[in-house]
Amino acid sequence: MRIKCEYCGNFLPDELSICTYCGAELRTAAPSDESPHTIEELKEFCERRHIPLEKAHFHIGENYTGPRAFGIYKDEYGFFTVYKNKSDGSRLVRYHGIDEDFAVNEIFQKLRSEILVKKR
């Protein structure tokens, strides 16, 4: 029997405990909505799945200013910013606002797509 990885969506033999594509822990139980909704939940999600954030150039909870990076942070005014730093040092802000759930989903979806691209 094959099971679907809840994180990357690939199908794997059910005797595996770790996804060979993304490294996520596989579950044999019915999938649940584990999508993170806060920056802290996103950090915990990545830690549980041993996602190498630095290697993937993702910075969760920090305003990283170096080139070639994606990130999310909360500023001193309570606004959440999701950004992409380009290789030339310029920054593209993907979201800036008060909706943490929306901001976390933006970076979470980008993280998922980047990991899938790197695994292929």
N, C-alpha and C. Protein backbone atom coordinates (compact mmCIF):
# COMPACT_ATOMS: atom_id res chain seq x y z
N MET A 1 0.84 -1.19 0.00
CA MET A 1 0.00 0.00 0.00
C MET A 1 0.88 1.24 0.00
N ARG A 2 0.39 2.30 -0.61
CA ARG A 2 1.15 3.55 -0.68
C ARG A 2 0.40 4.62 0.13
N ILE A 3 1.18 5.52 0.73
CA ILE A 3 0.59 6.63 1.47
C ILE A 3 1.10 7.93 0.88
N LYS A 4 0.35 8.99 1.10
CA LYS A 4 0.70 10.30 0.57
C LYS A 4 1.36 11.12 1.67
N CYS A 5 2.50 11.71 1.35
CA CYS A 5 3.16 12.61 2.30
C CYS A 5 2.29 13.86 2.46
N GLU A 6 1.95 14.20 3.69
CA GLU A 6 1.10 15.36 3.96
C GLU A 6 1.80 16.66 3.62
N TYR A 7 3.14 16.63 3.58
CA TYR A 7 3.87 17.88 3.35
C TYR A 7 4.12 18.16 1.87
N CYS A 8 4.69 17.17 1.14
CA CYS A 8 5.05 17.43 -0.25
C CYS A 8 4.09 16.81 -1.26
N GLY A 9 3.23 15.87 -0.81
CA GLY A 9 2.23 15.30 -1.68
C GLY A 9 2.68 14.08 -2.48
N ASN A 10 3.92 13.65 -2.32
CA ASN A 10 4.40 12.46 -3.04
C ASN A 10 3.86 11.19 -2.39
N PHE A 11 3.70 10.15 -3.20
CA PHE A 11 3.22 8.86 -2.71
C PHE A 11 4.40 7.94 -2.47
N LEU A 12 4.37 7.26 -1.31
CA LEU A 12 5.47 6.41 -0.88
C LEU A 12 4.95 5.10 -0.31
N PRO A 13 5.81 4.06 -0.26
CA PRO A 13 5.40 2.81 0.38
C PRO A 13 5.06 3.05 1.85
N ASP A 14 4.03 2.38 2.35
CA ASP A 14 3.57 2.63 3.72
C ASP A 14 4.53 2.12 4.79
N GLU A 15 5.56 1.35 4.41
CA GLU A 15 6.50 0.88 5.43
C GLU A 15 7.56 1.94 5.79
N LEU A 16 7.61 3.04 5.04
CA LEU A 16 8.55 4.11 5.35
C LEU A 16 8.02 4.99 6.48
N SER A 17 8.93 5.55 7.26
CA SER A 17 8.51 6.46 8.32
C SER A 17 8.92 7.91 8.01
N ILE A 18 9.83 8.07 7.03
CA ILE A 18 10.30 9.40 6.62
C ILE A 18 10.14 9.51 5.11
N CYS A 19 9.64 10.63 4.63
CA CYS A 19 9.48 10.87 3.20
C CYS A 19 10.86 10.98 2.55
N THR A 20 11.08 10.22 1.51
CA THR A 20 12.37 10.25 0.81
C THR A 20 12.51 11.48 -0.09
N TYR A 21 11.43 12.22 -0.28
CA TYR A 21 11.48 13.42 -1.11
C TYR A 21 11.76 14.68 -0.29
N CYS A 22 11.05 14.84 0.82
CA CYS A 22 11.17 16.10 1.58
C CYS A 22 11.68 15.92 3.01
N GLY A 23 11.77 14.68 3.48
CA GLY A 23 12.27 14.43 4.83
C GLY A 23 11.23 14.53 5.93
N ALA A 24 9.99 14.77 5.56
CA ALA A 24 8.93 14.89 6.57
C ALA A 24 8.61 13.53 7.19
N GLU A 25 8.16 13.56 8.42
CA GLU A 25 7.73 12.34 9.10
C GLU A 25 6.39 11.92 8.50
N LEU A 26 6.31 10.65 8.11
CA LEU A 26 5.07 10.14 7.51
C LEU A 26 4.14 9.62 8.59
N ARG A 27 2.87 9.80 8.37
CA ARG A 27 1.85 9.34 9.32
C ARG A 27 0.94 8.36 8.62
N THR A 28 0.59 7.34 9.32
CA THR A 28 -0.33 6.36 8.76
C THR A 28 -1.77 6.71 9.09
N ALA A 29 -1.97 7.60 10.05
CA ALA A 29 -3.32 8.03 10.42
C ALA A 29 -3.85 8.99 9.36
N ALA A 30 -5.13 9.27 9.45
CA ALA A 30 -5.74 10.21 8.50
C ALA A 30 -5.08 11.57 8.63
N PRO A 31 -4.87 12.25 7.50
CA PRO A 31 -4.22 13.55 7.54
C PRO A 31 -5.05 14.57 8.31
N SER A 32 -4.35 15.50 8.94
CA SER A 32 -5.03 16.56 9.67
C SER A 32 -4.53 17.90 9.14
N ASP A 33 -5.24 18.95 9.45
CA ASP A 33 -4.82 20.27 9.02
C ASP A 33 -3.73 20.76 9.96
N GLU A 34 -2.50 20.56 9.56
CA GLU A 34 -1.37 20.99 10.38
C GLU A 34 -0.74 22.25 9.85
N SER A 35 -1.40 22.92 8.95
CA SER A 35 -0.83 24.15 8.42
C SER A 35 -0.61 25.14 9.56
N PRO A 36 0.59 25.69 9.63
CA PRO A 36 0.86 26.67 10.69
C PRO A 36 0.09 27.97 10.46
N HIS A 37 -0.28 28.61 11.58
CA HIS A 37 -1.04 29.86 11.51
C HIS A 37 -0.30 31.03 12.15
N THR A 38 0.77 30.73 12.89
CA THR A 38 1.57 31.78 13.53
C THR A 38 3.04 31.53 13.20
N ILE A 39 3.85 32.54 13.41
CA ILE A 39 5.29 32.38 13.17
C ILE A 39 5.86 31.29 14.07
N GLU A 40 5.43 31.24 15.31
CA GLU A 40 5.92 30.20 16.22
C GLU A 40 5.51 28.81 15.75
N GLU A 41 4.28 28.66 15.29
CA GLU A 41 3.83 27.37 14.76
C GLU A 41 4.64 26.98 13.53
N LEU A 42 4.98 27.95 12.69
CA LEU A 42 5.79 27.68 11.51
C LEU A 42 7.19 27.21 11.90
N LYS A 43 7.77 27.86 12.90
CA LYS A 43 9.08 27.43 13.40
C LYS A 43 9.02 25.99 13.92
N GLU A 44 7.99 25.69 14.71
CA GLU A 44 7.83 24.34 15.26
C GLU A 44 7.61 23.32 14.15
N PHE A 45 6.82 23.67 13.16
CA PHE A 45 6.56 22.79 12.02
C PHE A 45 7.88 22.43 11.34
N CYS A 46 8.71 23.41 11.08
CA CYS A 46 10.00 23.18 10.41
C CYS A 46 10.94 22.36 11.28
N GLU A 47 10.94 22.61 12.57
CA GLU A 47 11.79 21.84 13.49
C GLU A 47 11.36 20.38 13.53
N ARG A 48 10.06 20.13 13.63
CA ARG A 48 9.55 18.74 13.68
C ARG A 48 9.92 17.96 12.43
N ARG A 49 9.97 18.64 11.31
CA ARG A 49 10.25 17.97 10.04
C ARG A 49 11.72 18.09 9.63
N HIS A 50 12.51 18.67 10.48
CA HIS A 50 13.96 18.82 10.23
C HIS A 50 14.23 19.52 8.90
N ILE A 51 13.46 20.57 8.63
CA ILE A 51 13.64 21.33 7.41
C ILE A 51 14.82 22.28 7.61
N PRO A 52 15.85 22.17 6.78
CA PRO A 52 17.04 23.01 6.93
C PRO A 52 16.79 24.42 6.40
N LEU A 53 16.25 25.28 7.25
CA LEU A 53 15.85 26.62 6.81
C LEU A 53 17.02 27.44 6.26
N GLU A 54 18.15 27.41 6.94
CA GLU A 54 19.29 28.21 6.47
C GLU A 54 19.76 27.72 5.10
N LYS A 55 19.82 26.43 4.93
CA LYS A 55 20.24 25.86 3.65
C LYS A 55 19.26 26.25 2.54
N ALA A 56 17.99 26.33 2.87
CA ALA A 56 16.96 26.70 1.91
C ALA A 56 16.82 28.22 1.78
N HIS A 57 17.59 28.97 2.55
CA HIS A 57 17.58 30.45 2.54
C HIS A 57 16.24 31.03 3.01
N PHE A 58 15.67 30.42 4.06
CA PHE A 58 14.44 30.92 4.67
C PHE A 58 14.76 31.39 6.08
N HIS A 59 14.19 32.53 6.45
CA HIS A 59 14.43 33.13 7.76
C HIS A 59 13.08 33.41 8.40
N ILE A 60 12.76 32.60 9.38
CA ILE A 60 11.46 32.67 10.04
C ILE A 60 11.59 33.46 11.34
N GLY A 61 10.88 34.58 11.42
CA GLY A 61 10.90 35.39 12.62
C GLY A 61 12.03 36.40 12.68
N GLU A 62 12.72 36.62 11.57
CA GLU A 62 13.81 37.59 11.58
C GLU A 62 13.83 38.41 10.29
N ASN A 63 14.28 39.63 10.43
CA ASN A 63 14.41 40.55 9.32
C ASN A 63 15.82 40.41 8.74
N TYR A 64 16.04 39.36 8.02
CA TYR A 64 17.34 39.07 7.43
C TYR A 64 17.56 39.99 6.23
N THR A 65 18.70 40.64 6.16
CA THR A 65 18.94 41.61 5.10
C THR A 65 19.94 41.14 4.04
N GLY A 66 20.43 39.92 4.19
CA GLY A 66 21.37 39.39 3.20
C GLY A 66 20.68 39.05 1.89
N PRO A 67 21.47 38.83 0.83
CA PRO A 67 20.89 38.51 -0.47
C PRO A 67 20.34 37.09 -0.54
N ARG A 68 19.47 36.88 -1.53
CA ARG A 68 18.91 35.56 -1.84
C ARG A 68 18.27 34.88 -0.64
N ALA A 69 17.20 35.47 -0.16
CA ALA A 69 16.54 34.90 1.01
C ALA A 69 15.05 35.21 0.99
N PHE A 70 14.29 34.32 1.62
CA PHE A 70 12.87 34.54 1.88
C PHE A 70 12.71 34.62 3.39
N GLY A 71 11.73 35.38 3.86
CA GLY A 71 11.55 35.45 5.30
C GLY A 71 10.24 36.07 5.71
N ILE A 72 10.03 35.98 7.01
CA ILE A 72 8.84 36.56 7.64
C ILE A 72 9.25 37.05 9.02
N TYR A 73 8.73 38.20 9.40
CA TYR A 73 8.97 38.71 10.75
C TYR A 73 7.85 39.66 11.15
N LYS A 74 7.78 39.92 12.45
CA LYS A 74 6.83 40.88 12.99
C LYS A 74 7.64 42.10 13.45
N ASP A 75 7.26 43.29 12.96
CA ASP A 75 8.01 44.48 13.33
C ASP A 75 7.53 45.08 14.65
N GLU A 76 8.18 46.14 15.07
CA GLU A 76 7.88 46.76 16.37
C GLU A 76 6.49 47.40 16.44
N TYR A 77 5.83 47.57 15.29
CA TYR A 77 4.49 48.14 15.25
C TYR A 77 3.39 47.08 15.17
N GLY A 78 3.80 45.81 15.14
CA GLY A 78 2.84 44.71 15.09
C GLY A 78 2.47 44.27 13.69
N PHE A 79 3.17 44.77 12.68
CA PHE A 79 2.91 44.37 11.30
C PHE A 79 3.77 43.16 10.93
N PHE A 80 3.19 42.28 10.14
CA PHE A 80 3.90 41.10 9.65
C PHE A 80 4.38 41.39 8.24
N THR A 81 5.62 41.05 7.97
CA THR A 81 6.21 41.27 6.66
C THR A 81 6.74 39.95 6.12
N VAL A 82 6.34 39.64 4.90
CA VAL A 82 6.88 38.50 4.17
C VAL A 82 7.69 39.09 3.03
N TYR A 83 8.94 38.66 2.90
CA TYR A 83 9.83 39.29 1.94
C TYR A 83 10.66 38.28 1.16
N LYS A 84 11.18 38.79 0.04
CA LYS A 84 12.16 38.06 -0.76
C LYS A 84 13.30 39.04 -1.01
N ASN A 85 14.49 38.66 -0.58
CA ASN A 85 15.68 39.46 -0.87
C ASN A 85 16.31 38.90 -2.15
N LYS A 86 16.50 39.76 -3.13
CA LYS A 86 17.06 39.33 -4.40
C LYS A 86 18.59 39.27 -4.31
N SER A 87 19.20 38.66 -5.32
CA SER A 87 20.66 38.50 -5.31
C SER A 87 21.39 39.84 -5.40
N ASP A 88 20.74 40.86 -5.95
CA ASP A 88 21.38 42.17 -6.06
C ASP A 88 21.22 43.01 -4.78
N GLY A 89 20.60 42.43 -3.75
CA GLY A 89 20.43 43.13 -2.47
C GLY A 89 19.12 43.86 -2.33
N SER A 90 18.34 43.96 -3.40
CA SER A 90 17.05 44.63 -3.30
C SER A 90 16.03 43.68 -2.66
N ARG A 91 14.96 44.25 -2.17
CA ARG A 91 13.94 43.47 -1.46
C ARG A 91 12.59 43.65 -2.13
N LEU A 92 11.88 42.54 -2.26
CA LEU A 92 10.50 42.54 -2.71
C LEU A 92 9.64 42.14 -1.52
N VAL A 93 8.71 42.98 -1.14
CA VAL A 93 7.81 42.68 -0.03
C VAL A 93 6.57 42.00 -0.61
N ARG A 94 6.37 40.76 -0.20
CA ARG A 94 5.23 39.98 -0.69
C ARG A 94 3.97 40.27 0.11
N TYR A 95 4.14 40.64 1.38
CA TYR A 95 2.99 41.00 2.22
C TYR A 95 3.50 41.87 3.37
N HIS A 96 2.70 42.87 3.73
CA HIS A 96 2.97 43.70 4.91
C HIS A 96 1.61 44.10 5.47
N GLY A 97 1.28 43.58 6.65
CA GLY A 97 -0.01 43.89 7.23
C GLY A 97 -0.19 43.23 8.58
N ILE A 98 -1.41 43.23 9.09
CA ILE A 98 -1.67 42.74 10.45
C ILE A 98 -2.19 41.31 10.51
N ASP A 99 -2.41 40.66 9.36
CA ASP A 99 -2.97 39.31 9.33
C ASP A 99 -1.85 38.27 9.39
N GLU A 100 -1.55 37.80 10.60
CA GLU A 100 -0.46 36.84 10.78
C GLU A 100 -0.74 35.54 10.04
N ASP A 101 -1.97 35.05 10.10
CA ASP A 101 -2.32 33.80 9.44
C ASP A 101 -2.05 33.89 7.94
N PHE A 102 -2.45 34.99 7.32
CA PHE A 102 -2.23 35.19 5.89
C PHE A 102 -0.73 35.25 5.59
N ALA A 103 0.01 36.00 6.39
CA ALA A 103 1.45 36.15 6.18
C ALA A 103 2.17 34.80 6.31
N VAL A 104 1.82 34.04 7.33
CA VAL A 104 2.44 32.73 7.54
C VAL A 104 2.10 31.80 6.38
N ASN A 105 0.87 31.84 5.91
CA ASN A 105 0.50 30.99 4.77
C ASN A 105 1.29 31.37 3.52
N GLU A 106 1.53 32.65 3.31
CA GLU A 106 2.33 33.09 2.16
C GLU A 106 3.72 32.46 2.18
N ILE A 107 4.40 32.55 3.30
CA ILE A 107 5.76 32.00 3.38
C ILE A 107 5.73 30.48 3.43
N PHE A 108 4.71 29.90 4.05
CA PHE A 108 4.59 28.44 4.12
C PHE A 108 4.44 27.84 2.72
N GLN A 109 3.58 28.43 1.90
CA GLN A 109 3.40 27.93 0.54
C GLN A 109 4.68 28.09 -0.28
N LYS A 110 5.40 29.17 -0.09
CA LYS A 110 6.66 29.37 -0.80
C LYS A 110 7.69 28.35 -0.33
N LEU A 111 7.74 28.09 0.96
CA LEU A 111 8.66 27.10 1.51
C LEU A 111 8.36 25.72 0.91
N ARG A 112 7.11 25.35 0.89
CA ARG A 112 6.73 24.05 0.31
C ARG A 112 7.16 23.95 -1.15
N SER A 113 6.90 24.97 -1.94
CA SER A 113 7.24 24.91 -3.36
C SER A 113 8.76 24.88 -3.56
N GLU A 114 9.51 25.63 -2.77
CA GLU A 114 10.97 25.62 -2.89
C GLU A 114 11.55 24.26 -2.54
N ILE A 115 11.02 23.62 -1.52
CA ILE A 115 11.53 22.30 -1.12
C ILE A 115 11.22 21.28 -2.20
N LEU A 116 10.04 21.35 -2.77
CA LEU A 116 9.69 20.42 -3.84
C LEU A 116 10.59 20.59 -5.06
N VAL A 117 10.91 21.83 -5.40
CA VAL A 117 11.79 22.10 -6.54
C VAL A 117 13.18 21.55 -6.26
N LYS A 118 13.70 21.78 -5.07
CA LYS A 118 15.05 21.32 -4.73
C LYS A 118 15.14 19.80 -4.65
N LYS A 119 14.05 19.13 -4.29
CA LYS A 119 14.06 17.68 -4.19
C LYS A 119 14.03 17.00 -5.55
N ARG A 120 13.56 17.72 -6.57
CA ARG A 120 13.47 17.12 -7.92
C ARG A 120 14.72 17.34 -8.63
